[in-house]
Amino acid sequence: MPPFKTVAAYVPPGVGMLAVGIVTEVFGPHGAALPGFDFALCADRPGPVPTDCGVPLSIAHGPDRLAGADLLIALPGAGFRTPPFPAVLNALRAAHRRGSVIAAHCVGTFTLAAAGLLDGRRATTHWRFAELLAGRHPEVTVEPNALYIDEGSIVTGAGAAAGFDLCLHLLRREYGAALANTVARDMVLPSHRDGGQAQYLAAPVPEDGQDERLAEVLGWAREHLHEPLPVTELAHRALMSKRSFARRFTAATGTTPHAWLRSLRLSRAEELLETTDLPIEEIAHRVGYASAAVLREQFVRRRGVPPRSYRRAFTSTP
């Protein structure tokens, strides 16, 4: 299947305005340098739709526009405990049969479950409603700690701002890291977050001098990916012991320093593979790997394909 061109978001009654803003910001216009999407908001029927902030949205399209899109996104709404209109569920099923990508985040996942699209699949939702989803739909394997879960034609995401993670993942998957990174920079967001919802359940990390030093070290590491960057050096720059640094790092990011660096190196390698003609060996050195063989091993393990195949796939994408 070619990358999606038409994107339709289902706007249920009581829709979260943050969710509307997320999909509009990601798939709306970003200038001539980026591919434009045919984007539309759709409701049970055209007309005003109430929102969670009390200001109604005027929606021009109904379920018919949903059924014809390449990518459908079910947004969260206040009435998620009640299944949507049959016409909406039928549109989702028809699009899925046609080969469209179907996505949802937060309690929008309940819409996909009501349509039967999550049966036999893994899915996630806002951690607060994970138990409810699992109880109502025992045929779905609910994973409450994930930021998003990619099941190929079905992709689900966690609550609130995790909608950004889901949408950027879809861009990265279909169009490559370079475009996803560009959109993320345009929105002043990280293009990828490691970790899961569990990192947001505890009390936030206190804002003190240690956190400021940690942020400075992370910024420095991004600019020095070509270097080995052992944890001992990062801890030294943060003026912490190695153990304290690792503990503080995990509390702040939800992942380990090693996993964070690996994700950063591979994301940068993806971007260089897509946007340059540099030899694989040179790319490996630029992102901090000792050789092309090491980069290939990590790439195959984490991305499922070798670097050359990845480059071939995205340089041939229209």
Protein backbone atom coordinates (compact mmCIF):
# COMPACT_ATOMS: atom_id res chain seq x y z
CA MET A 1 0.00 0.00 0.00
CA PRO A 2 1.28 3.53 -0.80
CA PRO A 3 1.53 6.03 2.09
CA PHE A 4 -1.79 7.54 3.12
CA LYS A 5 -2.88 10.72 1.37
CA THR A 6 -6.40 11.30 2.68
CA VAL A 7 -6.90 11.58 6.44
CA ALA A 8 -10.25 11.69 8.22
CA ALA A 9 -10.77 12.10 11.97
CA TYR A 10 -14.00 11.02 13.64
CA VAL A 11 -15.25 13.75 16.00
CA PRO A 12 -17.66 12.26 18.57
CA PRO A 13 -19.97 14.30 20.81
CA GLY A 14 -18.01 15.82 23.68
CA VAL A 15 -14.76 15.50 21.75
CA GLY A 16 -11.59 16.63 23.47
CA MET A 17 -10.34 19.86 21.91
CA LEU A 18 -6.76 18.78 22.59
CA ALA A 19 -7.32 15.73 20.40
CA VAL A 20 -8.80 17.86 17.62
CA GLY A 21 -5.83 20.21 17.87
CA ILE A 22 -3.36 17.33 17.69
CA VAL A 23 -4.66 15.77 14.46
CA THR A 24 -5.20 19.17 12.87
CA GLU A 25 -1.69 20.29 13.77
CA VAL A 26 0.00 17.10 12.55
CA PHE A 27 -1.97 16.53 9.34
CA GLY A 28 -2.80 20.14 8.52
CA PRO A 29 -0.64 22.37 6.28
CA HIS A 30 3.07 22.67 7.12
CA GLY A 31 4.29 24.54 4.05
CA ALA A 32 5.39 23.57 0.56
CA ALA A 33 8.36 21.54 1.81
CA LEU A 34 6.09 18.82 3.22
CA PRO A 35 3.47 16.65 1.53
CA GLY A 36 -0.03 18.01 1.94
CA PHE A 37 -2.77 15.74 3.22
CA ASP A 38 -6.42 15.86 2.23
CA PHE A 39 -7.60 16.24 5.82
CA ALA A 40 -11.18 16.36 7.11
CA LEU A 41 -13.05 16.24 10.41
CA CYS A 42 -16.13 14.00 10.34
CA ALA A 43 -19.02 13.55 12.76
CA ASP A 44 -22.13 11.39 13.15
CA ARG A 45 -23.77 13.91 10.85
CA PRO A 46 -22.67 17.32 9.48
CA GLY A 47 -23.34 20.21 11.82
CA PRO A 48 -22.36 21.47 15.29
CA VAL A 49 -20.68 19.00 17.68
CA PRO A 50 -20.31 19.75 21.41
CA THR A 51 -16.78 19.70 22.83
CA ASP A 52 -15.24 19.22 26.24
CA CYS A 53 -14.62 22.95 26.61
CA GLY A 54 -18.20 24.01 25.88
CA VAL A 55 -17.50 25.56 22.47
CA PRO A 56 -19.22 23.63 19.64
CA LEU A 57 -17.35 22.69 16.49
CA SER A 58 -18.99 23.05 13.09
CA ILE A 59 -18.23 19.81 11.23
CA ALA A 60 -18.84 19.68 7.48
CA HIS A 61 -18.59 15.92 6.88
CA GLY A 62 -20.39 12.78 8.00
CA PRO A 63 -19.50 9.05 7.98
CA ASP A 64 -19.26 8.84 4.17
CA ARG A 65 -16.04 10.85 4.23
CA LEU A 66 -14.66 8.47 6.88
CA ALA A 67 -15.21 5.39 4.75
CA GLY A 68 -13.21 6.81 1.84
CA ALA A 69 -10.06 7.90 3.71
CA ASP A 70 -6.66 6.22 3.62
CA LEU A 71 -6.13 6.95 7.33
CA LEU A 72 -8.98 7.15 9.85
CA ILE A 73 -8.45 8.40 13.39
CA ALA A 74 -11.13 7.98 16.06
CA LEU A 75 -10.83 10.86 18.53
CA PRO A 76 -11.79 10.59 22.22
CA GLY A 77 -15.11 11.95 23.41
CA ALA A 78 -17.05 12.25 26.66
CA GLY A 79 -19.66 9.67 25.61
CA PHE A 80 -17.19 6.88 24.87
CA ARG A 81 -19.11 4.42 27.07
CA THR A 82 -21.93 4.45 24.49
CA PRO A 83 -21.13 2.99 21.05
CA PRO A 84 -21.17 5.47 18.14
CA PHE A 85 -23.90 5.56 15.51
CA PRO A 86 -24.06 2.36 13.39
CA ALA A 87 -23.16 4.44 10.32
CA VAL A 88 -19.83 5.37 11.95
CA LEU A 89 -19.04 1.78 12.91
CA ASN A 90 -19.94 0.60 9.40
CA ALA A 91 -17.69 3.26 7.88
CA LEU A 92 -14.77 2.09 10.04
CA ARG A 93 -15.35 -1.54 9.07
CA ALA A 94 -15.66 -0.67 5.37
CA ALA A 95 -12.44 1.34 5.44
CA HIS A 96 -10.63 -1.49 7.20
CA ARG A 97 -11.81 -4.01 4.60
CA ARG A 98 -10.59 -1.64 1.90
CA GLY A 99 -7.10 -1.60 3.43
CA SER A 100 -7.13 1.76 5.19
CA VAL A 101 -5.09 2.38 8.34
CA ILE A 102 -7.35 2.81 11.38
CA ALA A 103 -6.04 4.60 14.48
CA ALA A 104 -7.33 5.90 17.80
CA HIS A 105 -5.91 7.23 21.02
CA CYS A 106 -7.17 7.71 24.56
CA VAL A 107 -10.80 6.61 24.88
CA GLY A 108 -11.16 6.80 21.10
CA THR A 109 -9.90 3.21 21.30
CA PHE A 110 -13.37 2.24 22.59
CA THR A 111 -14.78 3.20 19.17
CA LEU A 112 -12.49 0.73 17.40
CA ALA A 113 -13.36 -1.95 19.95
CA ALA A 114 -17.09 -1.33 19.39
CA ALA A 115 -16.54 -1.84 15.66
CA GLY A 116 -14.86 -5.20 16.35
CA LEU A 117 -11.59 -4.03 14.82
CA LEU A 118 -9.52 -4.83 17.93
CA ASP A 119 -10.65 -8.45 18.33
CA GLY A 120 -7.61 -10.69 18.71
CA ARG A 121 -5.26 -7.71 18.74
CA ARG A 122 -3.20 -5.79 21.27
CA ALA A 123 -4.35 -2.26 22.03
CA THR A 124 -3.82 0.56 24.50
CA THR A 125 -5.84 3.48 25.85
CA HIS A 126 -5.57 5.99 28.67
CA TRP A 127 -4.28 4.08 31.69
CA ARG A 128 -7.29 5.17 33.74
CA PHE A 129 -9.70 3.35 31.41
CA ALA A 130 -7.59 0.31 30.53
CA GLU A 131 -9.39 -1.95 33.00
CA LEU A 132 -12.78 -0.83 31.67
CA LEU A 133 -11.74 -1.56 28.08
CA ALA A 134 -10.42 -5.01 29.03
CA GLY A 135 -13.60 -5.82 30.97
CA ARG A 136 -15.91 -4.77 28.16
CA HIS A 137 -13.87 -6.39 25.40
CA PRO A 138 -12.11 -9.51 26.74
CA GLU A 139 -11.18 -10.48 23.19
CA VAL A 140 -8.78 -7.50 23.13
CA THR A 141 -5.34 -7.72 24.77
CA VAL A 142 -5.12 -4.38 26.56
CA GLU A 143 -1.61 -3.11 27.38
CA PRO A 144 -2.08 -0.16 29.73
CA ASN A 145 1.58 0.94 29.90
CA ALA A 146 2.24 1.57 26.19
CA LEU A 147 2.32 5.02 24.60
CA TYR A 148 1.10 3.44 21.36
CA ILE A 149 0.77 -0.02 19.86
CA ASP A 150 1.26 -0.68 16.14
CA GLU A 151 -0.65 -3.70 14.86
CA GLY A 152 -0.13 -2.87 11.20
CA SER A 153 -3.48 -1.67 9.87
CA ILE A 154 -4.66 -0.84 13.41
CA VAL A 155 -2.73 1.56 15.65
CA THR A 156 -3.84 2.66 19.12
CA GLY A 157 -2.38 5.22 21.51
CA ALA A 158 -2.54 6.28 25.14
CA GLY A 159 -4.30 9.30 26.57
CA ALA A 160 -4.12 13.05 26.03
CA ALA A 161 -0.81 14.22 24.54
CA ALA A 162 0.14 10.65 23.55
CA GLY A 163 -1.96 11.44 20.48
CA PHE A 164 1.11 13.34 19.26
CA ASP A 165 3.22 10.20 19.73
CA LEU A 166 0.74 8.13 17.74
CA CYS A 167 0.42 10.63 14.87
CA LEU A 168 4.18 11.19 14.60
CA HIS A 169 4.69 7.42 14.62
CA LEU A 170 2.28 7.08 11.70
CA LEU A 171 4.17 9.77 9.80
CA ARG A 172 7.49 8.10 10.59
CA ARG A 173 6.22 4.68 9.56
CA GLU A 174 4.68 5.78 6.27
CA TYR A 175 6.89 8.69 5.23
CA GLY A 176 10.12 8.22 7.17
CA ALA A 177 11.95 9.81 10.07
CA ALA A 178 12.97 12.96 8.18
CA LEU A 179 9.38 14.12 7.65
CA ALA A 180 8.27 13.11 11.16
CA ASN A 181 11.23 14.98 12.63
CA THR A 182 10.44 18.07 10.54
CA VAL A 183 6.82 18.13 11.70
CA ALA A 184 7.90 17.55 15.31
CA ARG A 185 10.38 20.44 15.10
CA ASP A 186 7.64 22.63 13.62
CA MET A 187 5.53 21.87 16.70
CA VAL A 188 8.53 22.11 19.08
CA LEU A 189 8.06 18.50 20.18
CA PRO A 190 10.36 15.49 20.49
CA SER A 191 9.91 13.30 17.42
CA HIS A 192 9.93 10.16 19.56
CA ARG A 193 9.49 9.40 23.23
CA ASP A 194 10.77 6.21 24.80
CA GLY A 195 9.08 4.59 27.75
CA GLY A 196 5.41 4.10 28.50
CA GLN A 197 2.50 5.50 30.44
CA ALA A 198 3.91 4.26 33.73
CA GLN A 199 6.36 7.15 33.83
CA TYR A 200 3.45 9.60 34.11
CA LEU A 201 1.61 7.90 36.98
CA ALA A 202 3.93 8.86 39.82
CA ALA A 203 4.53 12.38 41.08
CA PRO A 204 6.55 14.52 38.65
CA VAL A 205 10.28 14.81 39.16
CA PRO A 206 10.90 17.95 41.25
CA GLU A 207 12.26 20.89 39.32
CA ASP A 208 15.60 21.64 40.89
CA GLY A 209 19.23 22.14 39.93
CA GLN A 210 19.72 18.46 39.21
CA ASP A 211 16.94 18.45 36.61
CA GLU A 212 18.42 21.52 34.92
CA ARG A 213 21.80 19.79 34.76
CA LEU A 214 20.17 16.64 33.40
CA ALA A 215 18.47 18.62 30.62
CA GLU A 216 21.78 20.24 29.71
CA VAL A 217 23.49 16.84 29.55
CA LEU A 218 20.77 15.41 27.30
CA GLY A 219 21.13 18.38 24.97
CA TRP A 220 24.89 17.92 24.92
CA ALA A 221 24.50 14.20 24.15
CA ARG A 222 22.27 14.96 21.14
CA GLU A 223 25.06 17.12 19.72
CA HIS A 224 27.74 14.48 20.33
CA LEU A 225 26.15 11.27 19.04
CA HIS A 226 29.33 10.50 17.10
CA GLU A 227 31.10 9.92 20.42
CA PRO A 228 30.85 6.77 22.61
CA LEU A 229 28.92 8.58 25.40
CA PRO A 230 29.34 6.10 28.27
CA VAL A 231 26.95 6.58 31.17
CA THR A 232 29.88 7.39 33.46
CA GLU A 233 30.70 10.45 31.32
CA LEU A 234 27.08 11.61 31.21
CA ALA A 235 26.83 11.21 34.98
CA HIS A 236 30.07 13.16 35.44
CA ARG A 237 28.72 16.02 33.32
CA ALA A 238 25.53 16.02 35.39
CA LEU A 239 27.62 16.17 38.59
CA MET A 240 26.08 12.92 39.84
CA SER A 241 27.21 9.43 40.66
CA LYS A 242 26.50 6.84 37.97
CA ARG A 243 23.79 5.23 40.11
CA SER A 244 22.10 8.54 40.97
CA PHE A 245 22.23 9.62 37.33
CA ALA A 246 20.62 6.39 36.11
CA ARG A 247 17.87 6.66 38.71
CA ARG A 248 17.22 10.33 37.95
CA PHE A 249 17.32 9.70 34.20
CA THR A 250 14.73 6.91 34.38
CA ALA A 251 12.43 8.98 36.60
CA ALA A 252 12.58 11.89 34.15
CA THR A 253 12.35 10.00 30.84
CA GLY A 254 10.77 6.64 31.61
CA THR A 255 13.66 4.75 30.05
CA THR A 256 17.33 3.96 30.69
CA PRO A 257 20.27 6.02 29.42
CA HIS A 258 21.34 3.13 27.16
CA ALA A 259 17.88 2.74 25.62
CA TRP A 260 17.54 6.51 25.15
CA LEU A 261 20.88 6.77 23.38
CA ARG A 262 20.12 3.76 21.18
CA SER A 263 16.80 5.26 20.11
CA LEU A 264 18.46 8.60 19.41
CA ARG A 265 21.24 6.99 17.35
CA LEU A 266 18.82 4.93 15.27
CA SER A 267 16.48 7.88 14.66
CA ARG A 268 19.41 9.97 13.45
CA ALA A 269 20.59 7.08 11.27
CA GLU A 270 17.10 6.85 9.72
CA GLU A 271 17.18 10.54 8.88
CA LEU A 272 20.64 10.31 7.29
CA LEU A 273 19.62 7.24 5.27
CA GLU A 274 16.60 9.09 3.92
CA THR A 275 18.12 12.49 3.23
CA THR A 276 21.75 11.84 2.24
CA ASP A 277 23.82 9.59 -0.02
CA LEU A 278 26.41 8.99 2.68
CA PRO A 279 27.88 5.47 2.77
CA ILE A 280 26.49 3.24 5.52
CA GLU A 281 29.90 3.15 7.18
CA GLU A 282 30.00 6.94 7.41
CA ILE A 283 26.47 7.07 8.82
CA ALA A 284 27.43 4.47 11.42
CA HIS A 285 30.34 6.62 12.61
CA ARG A 286 28.25 9.80 12.63
CA VAL A 287 25.69 8.26 15.00
CA GLY A 288 28.25 6.67 17.28
CA TYR A 289 28.60 3.07 16.09
CA ALA A 290 32.00 1.51 15.56
CA SER A 291 31.18 0.05 12.15
CA ALA A 292 28.47 -0.48 9.56
CA ALA A 293 28.13 -4.05 10.85
CA VAL A 294 27.17 -2.82 14.33
CA LEU A 295 24.67 -0.34 12.89
CA ARG A 296 23.20 -3.09 10.71
CA GLU A 297 22.80 -5.42 13.69
CA GLN A 298 20.99 -2.76 15.74
CA PHE A 299 18.89 -1.63 12.79
CA VAL A 300 17.69 -5.13 11.95
CA ARG A 301 16.93 -5.88 15.59
CA ARG A 302 15.03 -2.65 16.27
CA ARG A 303 13.62 -1.72 12.85
CA GLY A 304 13.22 -5.15 11.26
CA VAL A 305 15.20 -4.38 8.08
CA PRO A 306 18.86 -3.66 7.25
CA PRO A 307 19.88 -0.02 6.61
CA ARG A 308 20.21 -0.49 2.83
CA SER A 309 16.67 -1.87 2.55
CA TYR A 310 15.38 1.00 4.67
CA ARG A 311 17.10 3.55 2.42
CA ARG A 312 15.77 1.86 -0.70
CA ALA A 313 12.19 1.87 0.64
CA PHE A 314 12.13 5.57 1.51
CA THR A 315 14.11 6.93 -1.41
CA SER A 316 11.60 5.22 -3.73
CA THR A 317 8.56 6.58 -1.86
CA PRO A 318 6.67 9.11 -4.00
